[in-house]
Amino acid sequence: MKHSPELLVYKASAGSGKTFTLAVEYIKLLIQNPRAYRNILAVTFTNKATTEMKERILSQLYGIWIKDKDSDPYLQKITEELEIPQEDIRTAAGTALHYMIHDYSRFRVETIDSFFQSVMRNLARELELGANLNIELNNMEVLSDAVDSMIEKLDRQSPVLYWLLEYIEERIADDKRWNVSGEIKNFGRNIFDEGYIEKGNGLREKLRDKDCIKNYRETLQAILEEVQEQMKGFADQFFGILDTNGVKVEDLKNGFRGIASYFNKLQSGKLDDSVRNVTVEKCLDCPDEWVKKTSPIRNAILGLAEKELIPLLNESEKYRSRNNMLANSCQLSLRHVNNIRLLANIDEEVRELNHENNRFLLSDTNALLHNLVKEGDSSFVFEKIGTTIRNVMIDEFQDTSRMQWDNFRLLLLEGLSQGADSLIVGDVKQSIYRWRNGDWGILNGLKTNIEAFPVKVKTLTTNRRSAANIIHFNNEVFTAACEVLNNIYKEEQKKECKELKEAYKRRVSGNIQRSRKRVCQSGISIGYGRHDLYGKHPAPPRRRSGAACGAGRATERYCHPGAQEQKHSFNSRLLRQEHLLQNRIR
């Protein structure tokens, strides 16, 4: 039966075996084809994670081949899924290891940044980036140079000077620091944000019109005035109804401190949610809340409230939230509109310095590839990346940005079209790279298919690292946090945040006693480290280091009291066994 290619997505908390799963999937490909490493690209986010993944794959290949008991879980899993005799698996593991050691440069487990860096070097000539292109990793150093250069060029006729002075005045008004250079450098970091990068060209195009900012200001001011006038109109209606019917504010319940206070706030331009207090809530529901019990005109006010005042209050509340959002947006935009021009100027200065120094920012790599893909040059890009890549494996996928994902989709779809599976592993609760534009929503959005190819989502729900009470605590924290955030979202948007609830609906289970027993019997090290061997001892295990909660990244290992740890690193062991490789594999 012909295999249908699919994208396999594993959602797993820390300690639930995602690194184990990724290594198993990688080794499975090698068992089926010992030279498959030439066609696999595995990426993660840090150099440390890259090293650990490489060591895990190589050490387990070695362990399977020499019949090391510590590799039995890998062997059993592979045997179960491939339905191949164990002896054949061991032979294939040794063969693959032999090939990889002697062809190590094609064993591609790398960081996402190093991968895109290699892509850019391959594209340098076609993109006219220069033969001696320098790829700069330190964005802040480049930014610092650009801001210093911009300030040095200032004179009395420079429009940048005016923008800078306004920026300083805003900082002083907010009672904040106003060190010019330092504050502008900090503000200038926005040019490296993907949101700015995507819209940067459009912004530069608009700013070529000298009247652009002026017209923008006028538009915002007009919207703000319209919003404020509309809400003042509700206040005018309220006081007009009272006057027409001969009712004074003093005749109402609590006088000026009662419902009249709400309309006075609208008249003064205050539209935030604090104006909807307990009094307003009561007045929305009950006419009795509008009038004193002892008022001589109580019946008249009750009738007036039911007929005119309550509908007016409901209508006012209907528009207030929307208008408050519009007013806040306009005020913030008006306040910071000059910052946009300043940011564009900083961006321009960075580009000039990069051109002068034949320098390319690594942070621009994603954007450049993204634009090439959007413009229909995907085949050209893929050819330069390398047509040999069939299987793509992405670890810590929750930290992938939108641009990175758009670029990787190119590789994934190419591999799937050739009949090769790809793998994604991640956990939304471990998303920590928002400052680098990481978007956990991408992982949460992978459900049924990617274009014409199916997506198979699996969840690893058993934690084998942490104690049961820690897992329980972690589950309760995330469940409660999800509920609180969803309630806030529902209050603001008038609907539930389905994406959030979907992302955090699964709970992790775990039994540390079972895990301890398994470790005690096998001597397996639980964690992200290399393939370590621990001395065995019949005594019960003890905890050597702190446990990690289900969403953390720390490791926990167990060994037997009194036993001497006999750590044999893969590298040293491999050297001692090199002669066996040459003799046993032909």
Protein backbone atom coordinates (compact mmCIF):
# COMPACT_ATOMS: atom_id res chain seq x y z
CA MET A 1 0.00 0.00 0.00
CA LYS A 2 1.43 3.35 -1.06
CA HIS A 3 2.24 5.72 1.80
CA SER A 4 0.41 9.03 1.82
CA PRO A 5 2.75 11.83 2.93
CA GLU A 6 1.65 13.85 5.94
CA LEU A 7 2.83 16.53 8.33
CA LEU A 8 3.08 15.04 11.80
CA VAL A 9 2.60 17.54 14.66
CA TYR A 10 3.47 16.58 18.24
CA LYS A 11 2.19 18.82 21.03
CA ALA A 12 4.01 17.98 24.22
CA SER A 13 4.88 19.60 27.53
CA ALA A 14 8.40 19.42 28.92
CA GLY A 15 9.15 15.99 30.29
CA SER A 16 6.57 14.22 28.13
CA GLY A 17 9.14 12.88 25.69
CA LYS A 18 9.17 15.25 22.73
CA THR A 19 12.96 15.06 22.31
CA PHE A 20 12.68 11.29 22.54
CA THR A 21 9.90 11.34 19.93
CA LEU A 22 11.86 13.57 17.55
CA ALA A 23 14.95 11.37 17.86
CA VAL A 24 12.84 8.25 17.22
CA GLU A 25 11.32 9.78 14.08
CA TYR A 26 14.77 10.79 12.81
CA ILE A 27 16.26 7.35 13.48
CA LYS A 28 13.26 5.64 11.82
CA LEU A 29 14.14 7.42 8.58
CA LEU A 30 17.75 6.22 8.91
CA ILE A 31 16.67 2.63 9.56
CA GLN A 32 14.64 2.66 6.35
CA ASN A 33 17.47 4.34 4.44
CA PRO A 34 20.90 4.67 6.16
CA ARG A 35 21.79 7.59 3.86
CA ALA A 36 18.56 9.48 4.55
CA TYR A 37 20.41 12.03 6.77
CA ARG A 38 21.50 13.72 3.53
CA ASN A 39 17.86 14.60 2.85
CA ILE A 40 16.78 15.62 6.38
CA LEU A 41 16.84 19.14 7.78
CA ALA A 42 16.30 19.35 11.56
CA VAL A 43 16.13 22.84 13.09
CA THR A 44 15.75 24.26 16.57
CA PHE A 45 16.36 27.66 18.18
CA THR A 46 19.55 27.49 20.24
CA ASN A 47 23.07 26.15 19.79
CA LYS A 48 22.67 24.13 22.98
CA ALA A 49 19.52 22.44 21.73
CA THR A 50 21.24 21.71 18.42
CA THR A 51 24.16 20.03 20.17
CA GLU A 52 21.84 18.01 22.39
CA MET A 53 19.77 16.84 19.44
CA LYS A 54 22.86 15.74 17.50
CA GLU A 55 24.25 13.89 20.49
CA ARG A 56 20.90 12.24 21.16
CA ILE A 57 20.59 10.92 17.59
CA LEU A 58 24.19 9.73 17.31
CA SER A 59 24.34 8.19 20.78
CA GLN A 60 21.11 6.27 20.31
CA LEU A 61 22.20 4.98 16.92
CA TYR A 62 25.36 3.78 18.60
CA GLY A 63 23.44 2.29 21.54
CA ILE A 64 21.01 0.42 19.28
CA TRP A 65 23.90 -0.95 17.24
CA ILE A 66 25.97 -2.26 20.17
CA LYS A 67 22.87 -3.53 22.04
CA ASP A 68 23.14 -1.03 24.90
CA LYS A 69 20.21 -1.53 27.29
CA ASP A 70 19.82 2.25 27.67
CA SER A 71 18.75 2.37 24.01
CA ASP A 72 16.11 -0.36 24.40
CA PRO A 73 13.21 2.17 24.66
CA TYR A 74 14.25 3.59 21.27
CA LEU A 75 14.68 0.13 19.79
CA GLN A 76 11.30 -1.06 21.06
CA LYS A 77 9.50 2.03 19.76
CA ILE A 78 11.13 1.77 16.33
CA THR A 79 10.42 -1.98 16.14
CA GLU A 80 6.79 -1.40 17.04
CA GLU A 81 6.23 1.31 14.44
CA LEU A 82 8.28 -0.08 11.53
CA GLU A 83 7.57 -3.78 12.13
CA ILE A 84 11.14 -4.70 11.21
CA PRO A 85 13.17 -7.43 12.99
CA GLN A 86 15.39 -5.98 15.71
CA GLU A 87 18.52 -7.47 14.24
CA ASP A 88 17.86 -5.69 10.94
CA ILE A 89 17.29 -2.43 12.86
CA ARG A 90 20.61 -2.83 14.69
CA THR A 91 22.47 -3.48 11.45
CA ALA A 92 20.86 -0.48 9.75
CA ALA A 93 21.67 1.74 12.79
CA GLY A 94 25.34 0.80 12.62
CA THR A 95 25.44 1.38 8.88
CA ALA A 96 23.79 4.79 9.20
CA LEU A 97 26.18 5.77 12.00
CA HIS A 98 29.16 4.76 9.86
CA TYR A 99 27.93 6.86 6.93
CA MET A 100 27.19 9.88 9.13
CA ILE A 101 30.57 9.89 10.87
CA HIS A 102 32.36 9.90 7.52
CA ASP A 103 29.98 12.41 5.92
CA TYR A 104 29.38 14.60 8.95
CA SER A 105 28.92 17.91 7.09
CA ARG A 106 25.69 16.60 5.57
CA PHE A 107 24.24 15.74 8.97
CA ARG A 108 22.06 18.87 9.11
CA VAL A 109 20.88 19.62 12.61
CA GLU A 110 21.19 23.37 13.03
CA THR A 111 19.64 26.49 14.47
CA ILE A 112 16.99 28.29 12.50
CA ASP A 113 19.25 31.34 12.21
CA SER A 114 22.23 29.37 10.87
CA PHE A 115 19.99 27.72 8.30
CA PHE A 116 18.70 31.04 6.96
CA GLN A 117 22.23 32.41 7.04
CA SER A 118 23.38 29.64 4.72
CA VAL A 119 20.42 30.35 2.45
CA MET A 120 21.38 34.01 2.20
CA ARG A 121 24.95 33.19 1.30
CA ASN A 122 23.66 31.02 -1.53
CA LEU A 123 21.44 33.86 -2.72
CA ALA A 124 24.00 36.65 -2.33
CA ARG A 125 25.02 36.88 -5.99
CA GLU A 126 21.48 36.74 -7.41
CA LEU A 127 20.32 39.41 -4.97
CA GLU A 128 23.37 41.57 -5.70
CA LEU A 129 24.43 41.55 -2.08
CA GLY A 130 28.13 41.48 -2.91
CA ALA A 131 30.71 38.72 -3.02
CA ASN A 132 32.19 39.64 0.35
CA LEU A 133 28.87 40.08 2.11
CA ASN A 134 29.13 40.34 5.87
CA ILE A 135 26.17 38.93 7.76
CA GLU A 136 25.74 40.89 10.98
CA LEU A 137 24.21 39.10 13.97
CA ASN A 138 24.27 42.00 16.46
CA ASN A 139 21.31 44.23 15.57
CA MET A 140 21.82 46.53 18.54
CA GLU A 141 25.37 47.39 17.57
CA VAL A 142 24.23 48.38 14.09
CA LEU A 143 21.33 50.36 15.54
CA SER A 144 23.63 52.22 17.93
CA ASP A 145 25.92 53.25 15.08
CA ALA A 146 22.95 54.41 13.00
CA VAL A 147 21.46 56.57 15.77
CA ASP A 148 24.84 58.16 16.54
CA SER A 149 25.34 58.91 12.85
CA MET A 150 21.85 60.41 12.54
CA ILE A 151 22.37 62.71 15.54
CA GLU A 152 25.75 63.89 14.18
CA LYS A 153 24.07 64.99 10.92
CA LEU A 154 21.50 67.21 12.66
CA ASP A 155 21.33 70.95 11.98
CA ARG A 156 18.74 73.67 12.58
CA GLN A 157 17.03 73.04 9.25
CA SER A 158 16.80 69.31 9.72
CA PRO A 159 13.21 68.01 10.17
CA VAL A 160 14.67 65.18 12.27
CA LEU A 161 15.64 67.75 14.91
CA TYR A 162 12.00 68.83 15.21
CA TRP A 163 10.87 65.22 15.58
CA LEU A 164 13.50 64.59 18.22
CA LEU A 165 12.46 67.63 20.22
CA GLU A 166 8.83 66.49 20.16
CA TYR A 167 9.89 63.02 21.27
CA ILE A 168 11.84 64.50 24.20
CA GLU A 169 8.86 66.68 25.17
CA GLU A 170 6.63 63.59 25.21
CA ARG A 171 9.08 61.77 27.47
CA ILE A 172 9.21 64.75 29.86
CA ALA A 173 5.40 64.99 29.88
CA ASP A 174 5.25 61.32 30.90
CA ASP A 175 7.80 61.98 33.65
CA LYS A 176 10.26 59.60 31.99
CA ARG A 177 13.94 59.77 31.19
CA TRP A 178 14.92 61.81 28.22
CA ASN A 179 18.51 60.84 27.48
CA VAL A 180 18.36 61.47 23.74
CA SER A 181 20.73 58.85 22.41
CA GLY A 182 19.78 56.06 24.81
CA GLU A 183 16.03 56.54 24.48
CA ILE A 184 16.11 56.75 20.70
CA LYS A 185 18.23 53.61 20.46
CA ASN A 186 15.74 51.79 22.64
CA PHE A 187 12.85 53.11 20.56
CA GLY A 188 14.68 52.20 17.34
CA ARG A 189 14.48 48.48 18.18
CA ASN A 190 11.04 48.54 16.55
CA ILE A 191 12.64 48.46 13.10
CA PHE A 192 13.63 44.82 13.75
CA ASP A 193 10.07 43.78 14.58
CA GLU A 194 8.44 41.66 11.88
CA GLY A 195 5.33 43.82 11.96
CA TYR A 196 7.41 46.87 11.03
CA ILE A 197 9.54 44.96 8.52
CA GLU A 198 6.44 43.74 6.64
CA LYS A 199 5.02 47.25 6.39
CA GLY A 200 8.33 49.12 6.13
CA ASN A 201 8.28 49.52 2.35
CA GLY A 202 4.75 50.85 2.37
CA LEU A 203 5.60 53.30 5.15
CA ARG A 204 8.64 54.62 3.31
CA GLU A 205 6.54 55.05 0.18
CA LYS A 206 3.89 57.07 2.04
CA LEU A 207 6.43 59.26 3.82
CA ARG A 208 7.80 60.44 0.49
CA ASP A 209 4.71 62.67 0.43
CA LYS A 210 5.60 65.70 2.56
CA ASP A 211 1.95 66.24 3.50
CA CYS A 212 1.41 62.65 4.59
CA ILE A 213 1.81 63.23 8.34
CA LYS A 214 -0.15 66.48 8.21
CA ASN A 215 -3.09 64.81 6.45
CA TYR A 216 -2.92 61.88 8.82
CA ARG A 217 -3.07 64.20 11.83
CA GLU A 218 -6.11 66.01 10.42
CA THR A 219 -7.92 62.72 9.78
CA LEU A 220 -7.27 61.45 13.30
CA GLN A 221 -8.34 64.76 14.84
CA ALA A 222 -11.59 64.71 12.87
CA ILE A 223 -12.40 61.16 14.05
CA LEU A 224 -11.64 62.08 17.65
CA GLU A 225 -13.84 65.16 17.56
CA GLU A 226 -16.70 63.20 15.98
CA VAL A 227 -16.51 60.52 18.69
CA GLN A 228 -16.42 63.04 21.51
CA GLU A 229 -19.30 65.05 20.06
CA GLN A 230 -21.44 61.93 19.72
CA MET A 231 -20.98 61.03 23.39
CA LYS A 232 -21.54 64.63 24.50
CA GLY A 233 -24.79 64.42 22.56
CA PHE A 234 -26.04 61.68 24.87
CA ALA A 235 -25.27 63.88 27.89
CA ASP A 236 -27.05 66.83 26.28
CA GLN A 237 -30.08 64.61 25.63
CA PHE A 238 -30.15 63.48 29.25
CA PHE A 239 -30.11 66.96 30.72
CA GLY A 240 -32.53 68.15 28.03
CA ILE A 241 -35.08 65.47 28.98
CA LEU A 242 -34.83 66.47 32.63
CA ASP A 243 -35.27 70.15 31.81
CA THR A 244 -38.21 69.54 29.46
CA ASN A 245 -40.05 67.55 32.11
CA GLY A 246 -39.27 69.94 34.96
CA VAL A 247 -37.03 67.50 36.78
CA LYS A 248 -33.92 68.67 38.57
CA VAL A 249 -30.79 66.56 39.17
CA GLU A 250 -31.48 66.95 42.89
CA ASP A 251 -34.76 65.09 42.39
CA LEU A 252 -32.88 61.98 41.23
CA LYS A 253 -31.44 59.35 43.56
CA ASN A 254 -28.11 60.54 45.05
CA GLY A 255 -28.33 63.79 43.05
CA PHE A 256 -25.13 64.76 41.27
CA ARG A 257 -23.38 61.70 42.73
CA GLY A 258 -25.91 59.35 41.12
CA ILE A 259 -26.64 58.63 37.47
CA ALA A 260 -26.06 62.32 36.60
CA SER A 261 -22.35 61.73 37.33
CA TYR A 262 -22.21 59.25 34.43
CA PHE A 263 -23.47 61.81 31.92
CA ASN A 264 -21.24 64.54 33.34
CA LYS A 265 -18.24 62.29 32.68
CA LEU A 266 -19.36 61.73 29.08
CA GLN A 267 -19.68 65.48 28.66
CA SER A 268 -16.11 65.98 29.86
CA GLY A 269 -14.80 63.40 27.39
CA LYS A 270 -14.24 60.50 29.79
CA LEU A 271 -15.28 57.27 28.06
CA ASP A 272 -13.35 54.46 29.75
CA ASP A 273 -15.01 51.51 31.52
CA SER A 274 -14.66 53.12 34.94
CA VAL A 275 -17.71 55.30 34.18
CA ARG A 276 -19.91 52.20 34.15
CA ASN A 277 -20.08 51.78 37.93
CA VAL A 278 -22.59 50.03 40.20
CA THR A 279 -25.04 52.93 39.92
CA VAL A 280 -25.11 52.67 36.13
CA GLU A 281 -25.64 48.89 36.31
CA LYS A 282 -28.60 49.31 38.64
CA CYS A 283 -30.13 52.11 36.58
CA LEU A 284 -29.97 49.97 33.45
CA ASP A 285 -32.17 47.33 35.07
CA CYS A 286 -34.60 49.10 37.36
CA PRO A 287 -36.54 52.42 37.16
CA ASP A 288 -36.67 52.52 41.00
CA GLU A 289 -32.93 53.22 41.03
CA TRP A 290 -33.50 56.61 39.34
CA VAL A 291 -35.59 58.29 42.04
CA LYS A 292 -35.73 58.83 45.80
CA LYS A 293 -38.48 57.00 47.65
CA THR A 294 -39.53 60.26 49.34
CA SER A 295 -39.56 62.37 46.18
CA PRO A 296 -42.88 64.22 45.65
CA ILE A 297 -42.63 63.56 41.90
CA ARG A 298 -41.56 59.92 42.24
CA ASN A 299 -44.22 58.51 39.92
CA ALA A 300 -43.43 61.04 37.22
CA ILE A 301 -39.71 60.22 37.35
CA LEU A 302 -40.44 56.46 37.32
CA GLY A 303 -42.50 56.87 34.16
CA LEU A 304 -39.85 59.11 32.60
CA ALA A 305 -37.08 56.63 33.45
CA GLU A 306 -38.93 53.69 31.96
CA LYS A 307 -40.00 55.51 28.84
CA GLU A 308 -36.97 57.71 27.96
CA LEU A 309 -34.04 57.64 30.38
CA ILE A 310 -33.31 53.89 30.48
CA PRO A 311 -33.44 53.53 26.65
CA LEU A 312 -31.11 56.58 26.42
CA LEU A 313 -28.68 55.01 28.89
CA ASN A 314 -28.72 51.72 26.97
CA GLU A 315 -28.06 53.53 23.70
CA SER A 316 -25.22 55.49 25.28
CA GLU A 317 -23.56 52.30 26.60
CA LYS A 318 -23.96 50.69 23.20
CA TYR A 319 -21.72 53.32 21.63
CA ARG A 320 -19.44 54.17 24.55
CA SER A 321 -17.14 51.09 24.41
CA ARG A 322 -16.62 51.36 20.67
CA ASN A 323 -16.10 55.10 20.81
CA ASN A 324 -13.71 54.75 23.73
CA MET A 325 -11.55 52.41 21.66
CA LEU A 326 -11.61 54.81 18.72
CA ALA A 327 -10.79 57.80 20.92
CA ASN A 328 -7.88 55.98 22.59
CA SER A 329 -6.51 54.87 19.23
CA CYS A 330 -6.69 58.39 17.83
CA GLN A 331 -5.10 59.97 20.91
CA LEU A 332 -2.24 57.45 20.97
CA SER A 333 -1.66 57.85 17.24
CA LEU A 334 -1.66 61.63 17.46
CA ARG A 335 0.71 61.46 20.37
CA HIS A 336 3.23 59.23 18.62
CA VAL A 337 2.81 60.14 14.95
CA ASN A 338 6.14 61.93 14.89
CA ASN A 339 7.76 58.79 16.25
CA ILE A 340 6.80 57.08 13.00
CA ARG A 341 8.82 59.59 11.02
CA LEU A 342 11.69 59.23 13.47
CA LEU A 343 11.58 55.44 13.16
CA ALA A 344 11.58 55.64 9.37
CA ASN A 345 14.62 57.93 9.53
CA ILE A 346 16.48 55.49 11.81
CA ASP A 347 15.61 52.65 9.43
CA GLU A 348 16.95 54.64 6.48
CA GLU A 349 20.20 55.38 8.34
CA VAL A 350 20.65 51.67 9.17
CA ARG A 351 20.19 50.77 5.49
CA GLU A 352 22.72 53.36 4.38
CA LEU A 353 25.34 52.10 6.83
CA ASN A 354 24.69 48.50 5.79
CA HIS A 355 25.19 49.43 2.13
CA GLU A 356 28.42 51.32 2.88
CA ASN A 357 29.84 48.41 4.87
CA ASN A 358 28.59 45.65 2.52
CA ARG A 359 26.65 44.31 5.48
CA PHE A 360 23.43 42.36 5.75
CA LEU A 361 21.46 41.91 8.96
CA LEU A 362 20.52 38.35 9.81
CA SER A 363 17.18 39.70 11.04
CA ASP A 364 16.44 40.83 7.45
CA THR A 365 16.92 37.33 6.09
CA ASN A 366 13.44 36.14 6.94
CA ALA A 367 11.90 39.25 5.40
CA LEU A 368 13.87 38.94 2.16
CA LEU A 369 13.00 35.28 1.70
CA HIS A 370 9.42 36.06 2.67
CA ASN A 371 9.16 38.69 -0.07
CA LEU A 372 10.71 36.36 -2.63
CA VAL A 373 8.21 33.64 -1.80
CA LYS A 374 5.27 36.10 -1.90
CA GLU A 375 6.39 37.39 -5.27
CA GLY A 376 6.25 33.91 -6.80
CA ASP A 377 9.97 33.08 -6.84
CA SER A 378 9.60 30.06 -4.58
CA SER A 379 11.10 27.63 -7.10
CA PHE A 380 14.17 29.86 -7.42
CA VAL A 381 14.57 30.07 -3.64
CA PHE A 382 14.10 26.34 -3.20
CA GLU A 383 16.70 25.59 -5.84
CA LYS A 384 19.19 27.72 -3.94
CA ILE A 385 18.27 26.21 -0.60
CA GLY A 386 18.90 22.77 -1.97
CA THR A 387 16.60 20.33 -3.74
CA THR A 388 18.07 17.46 -1.69
CA ILE A 389 15.99 18.37 1.39
CA ARG A 390 12.98 16.04 1.64
CA ASN A 391 12.19 15.70 5.35
CA VAL A 392 11.96 18.77 7.60
CA MET A 393 11.89 18.49 11.39
CA ILE A 394 11.28 21.58 13.50
CA ASP A 395 11.74 21.50 17.28
CA GLU A 396 10.36 24.13 19.69
CA PHE A 397 7.96 25.17 16.96
CA GLN A 398 5.95 27.40 19.34
CA ASP A 399 8.74 30.00 19.01
CA THR A 400 8.51 30.20 15.22
CA SER A 401 7.55 33.58 13.75
CA ARG A 402 5.08 34.14 10.93
CA MET A 403 7.80 34.94 8.41
CA GLN A 404 9.86 31.92 9.42
CA TRP A 405 6.84 29.68 9.07
CA ASP A 406 6.01 31.09 5.62
CA ASN A 407 9.57 30.33 4.53
CA PHE A 408 9.58 26.83 6.03
CA ARG A 409 6.25 25.99 4.43
CA LEU A 410 8.11 26.11 1.12
CA LEU A 411 10.40 23.31 2.22
CA LEU A 412 7.63 21.31 3.88
CA LEU A 413 5.38 21.42 0.81
CA GLU A 414 8.24 20.48 -1.50
CA GLY A 415 9.08 17.45 0.64
CA LEU A 416 5.44 16.40 0.98
CA SER A 417 4.98 16.64 -2.79
CA GLN A 418 7.86 14.15 -3.14
CA GLY A 419 6.13 11.72 -0.79
CA ALA A 420 8.27 12.52 2.26
CA ASP A 421 6.83 13.13 5.74
CA SER A 422 7.80 16.10 7.89
CA LEU A 423 7.64 16.63 11.64
CA ILE A 424 6.86 19.53 13.96
CA VAL A 425 7.26 19.39 17.76
CA GLY A 426 6.21 22.12 20.19
CA ASP A 427 4.29 23.25 23.25
CA VAL A 428 2.41 26.55 23.43
CA LYS A 429 3.03 26.76 27.20
CA GLN A 430 6.76 27.01 26.54
CA SER A 431 6.56 29.96 24.16
CA ILE A 432 9.27 32.39 25.35
CA TYR A 433 10.42 34.13 22.16
CA ARG A 434 7.67 36.68 21.68
CA TRP A 435 10.37 39.36 21.74
CA ARG A 436 11.72 37.70 18.62
CA ASN A 437 8.28 37.61 17.00
CA GLY A 438 7.54 34.04 18.08
CA ASP A 439 3.85 33.22 17.55
CA TRP A 440 2.37 30.22 19.40
CA GLY A 441 -0.84 30.66 17.41
CA ILE A 442 0.85 29.06 14.39
CA LEU A 443 1.26 25.76 16.24
CA ASN A 444 -2.26 25.96 17.55
CA GLY A 445 -3.56 26.59 14.01
CA LEU A 446 -2.09 23.38 12.51
CA LYS A 447 -5.14 21.10 12.64
CA THR A 448 -6.31 19.23 9.55
CA ASN A 449 -4.28 20.04 6.48
CA ILE A 450 -1.54 22.16 4.96
CA GLU A 451 -2.80 22.94 1.47
CA ALA A 452 -3.49 19.55 -0.14
CA PHE A 453 -1.58 17.47 2.43
CA PRO A 454 -3.02 16.07 5.68
CA VAL A 455 -1.82 17.17 9.11
CA LYS A 456 -1.79 14.55 11.86
CA VAL A 457 -1.79 16.10 15.35
CA LYS A 458 -0.76 13.99 18.34
CA THR A 459 -0.54 15.06 21.97
CA LEU A 460 1.89 13.51 24.46
CA THR A 461 -0.10 13.69 27.68
CA THR A 462 2.08 11.73 30.12
CA ASN A 463 4.91 13.51 31.93
CA ARG A 464 7.78 11.26 32.98
CA ARG A 465 10.01 13.88 34.53
CA SER A 466 8.11 15.69 37.27
CA ALA A 467 6.44 14.58 40.46
CA ALA A 468 2.68 14.08 40.36
CA ASN A 469 1.97 17.04 42.67
CA ILE A 470 3.99 19.37 40.43
CA ILE A 471 2.12 18.18 37.35
CA HIS A 472 -1.20 18.64 39.14
CA PHE A 473 -0.22 22.16 40.24
CA ASN A 474 0.91 23.07 36.74
CA ASN A 475 -2.33 21.83 35.19
CA GLU A 476 -4.40 23.80 37.67
CA VAL A 477 -2.38 27.00 37.12
CA PHE A 478 -2.71 26.90 33.33
CA THR A 479 -6.39 25.92 33.50
CA ALA A 480 -7.15 28.84 35.81
CA ALA A 481 -4.99 31.27 33.83
CA CYS A 482 -6.71 30.27 30.59
CA GLU A 483 -10.11 30.86 32.17
CA VAL A 484 -9.15 34.28 33.53
CA LEU A 485 -7.68 35.43 30.21
CA ASN A 486 -10.67 34.12 28.30
CA ASN A 487 -13.03 36.05 30.60
CA ILE A 488 -11.05 39.25 30.02
CA TYR A 489 -11.14 38.65 26.26
CA LYS A 490 -14.87 37.87 26.35
CA GLU A 491 -15.56 41.05 28.31
CA GLU A 492 -13.65 43.18 25.79
CA GLN A 493 -14.55 41.44 22.55
CA LYS A 494 -17.99 40.05 23.49
CA LYS A 495 -16.96 36.56 22.42
CA GLU A 496 -14.78 33.72 23.67
CA CYS A 497 -11.16 33.34 22.60
CA LYS A 498 -11.46 29.94 20.92
CA GLU A 499 -7.78 29.81 19.98
CA LEU A 500 -6.69 30.21 23.60
CA LYS A 501 -9.12 27.60 24.89
CA GLU A 502 -8.10 25.18 22.17
CA ALA A 503 -4.41 25.65 22.90
CA TYR A 504 -4.69 24.97 26.63
CA LYS A 505 -7.51 22.44 26.80
CA ARG A 506 -5.30 19.36 27.16
CA ARG A 507 -3.97 18.37 30.55
CA VAL A 508 -0.82 16.43 31.34
CA SER A 509 -0.87 13.30 33.46
CA GLY A 510 2.05 11.66 35.21
CA ASN A 511 3.06 9.10 37.78
CA ILE A 512 6.48 9.75 39.22
CA GLN A 513 6.53 6.48 41.11
CA ARG A 514 6.15 4.59 37.88
CA SER A 515 8.86 6.66 36.30
CA ARG A 516 11.19 6.10 39.25
CA LYS A 517 10.66 2.36 39.07
CA ARG A 518 11.42 2.35 35.38
CA VAL A 519 14.60 4.36 35.94
CA CYS A 520 15.66 2.12 38.81
CA GLN A 521 15.35 -1.00 36.69
CA SER A 522 16.95 0.28 33.52
CA GLY A 523 19.40 2.93 34.66
CA ILE A 524 18.02 5.36 32.08
CA SER A 525 18.79 9.04 32.49
CA ILE A 526 15.64 11.13 32.09
CA GLY A 527 16.45 14.49 30.59
CA TYR A 528 17.86 16.35 27.65
CA GLY A 529 21.48 15.47 28.19
CA ARG A 530 23.70 13.11 26.27
CA HIS A 531 23.56 9.31 26.43
CA ASP A 532 24.86 8.78 29.99
CA LEU A 533 25.22 5.52 31.85
CA TYR A 534 24.65 5.30 35.57
CA GLY A 535 25.80 2.60 37.90
CA LYS A 536 23.08 0.19 38.98
CA HIS A 537 22.24 -0.64 42.58
CA PRO A 538 19.33 -2.50 44.18
CA ALA A 539 18.53 0.34 46.59
CA PRO A 540 15.62 2.68 45.78
CA PRO A 541 16.41 5.80 43.80
CA ARG A 542 16.79 9.26 45.20
CA ARG A 543 16.29 12.65 43.54
CA ARG A 544 19.45 14.40 42.54
CA SER A 545 18.07 17.66 41.23
CA GLY A 546 14.90 19.74 41.30
CA ALA A 547 11.95 18.62 39.26
CA ALA A 548 10.56 20.69 36.51
CA CYS A 549 6.95 21.63 36.16
CA GLY A 550 5.11 20.53 33.06
CA ALA A 551 5.79 23.74 31.21
CA GLY A 552 9.41 24.22 32.26
CA ARG A 553 12.70 23.21 30.70
CA ALA A 554 14.76 21.99 33.65
CA THR A 555 15.72 18.31 33.86
CA GLU A 556 15.51 15.72 36.61
CA ARG A 557 17.74 12.68 36.88
CA TYR A 558 17.73 9.78 39.27
CA CYS A 559 20.49 7.49 40.41
CA HIS A 560 21.00 5.08 43.25
CA PRO A 561 22.45 6.20 46.60
CA GLY A 562 26.01 5.15 47.02
CA ALA A 563 26.44 4.25 43.44
CA GLN A 564 29.28 5.81 41.54
CA GLU A 565 28.14 7.64 38.47
CA GLN A 566 29.92 6.14 35.52
CA LYS A 567 29.37 8.73 32.83
CA HIS A 568 30.75 7.72 29.47
CA SER A 569 30.31 10.45 26.92
CA PHE A 570 29.39 9.39 23.45
CA ASN A 571 32.39 11.12 21.88
CA SER A 572 35.04 9.26 23.90
CA ARG A 573 33.28 5.95 23.54
CA LEU A 574 32.95 6.44 19.83
CA LEU A 575 36.67 6.97 19.44
CA ARG A 576 37.43 3.76 21.34
CA GLN A 577 35.04 1.84 19.10
CA GLU A 578 36.13 3.35 15.80
CA HIS A 579 38.14 0.26 14.84
CA LEU A 580 35.02 -1.84 15.37
CA LEU A 581 33.13 0.35 12.97
CA GLN A 582 35.69 -0.28 10.28
CA ASN A 583 35.69 -4.03 10.85
CA ARG A 584 32.01 -4.70 11.53
CA ILE A 585 30.49 -2.56 8.81
CA ARG A 586 31.51 -3.29 5.27
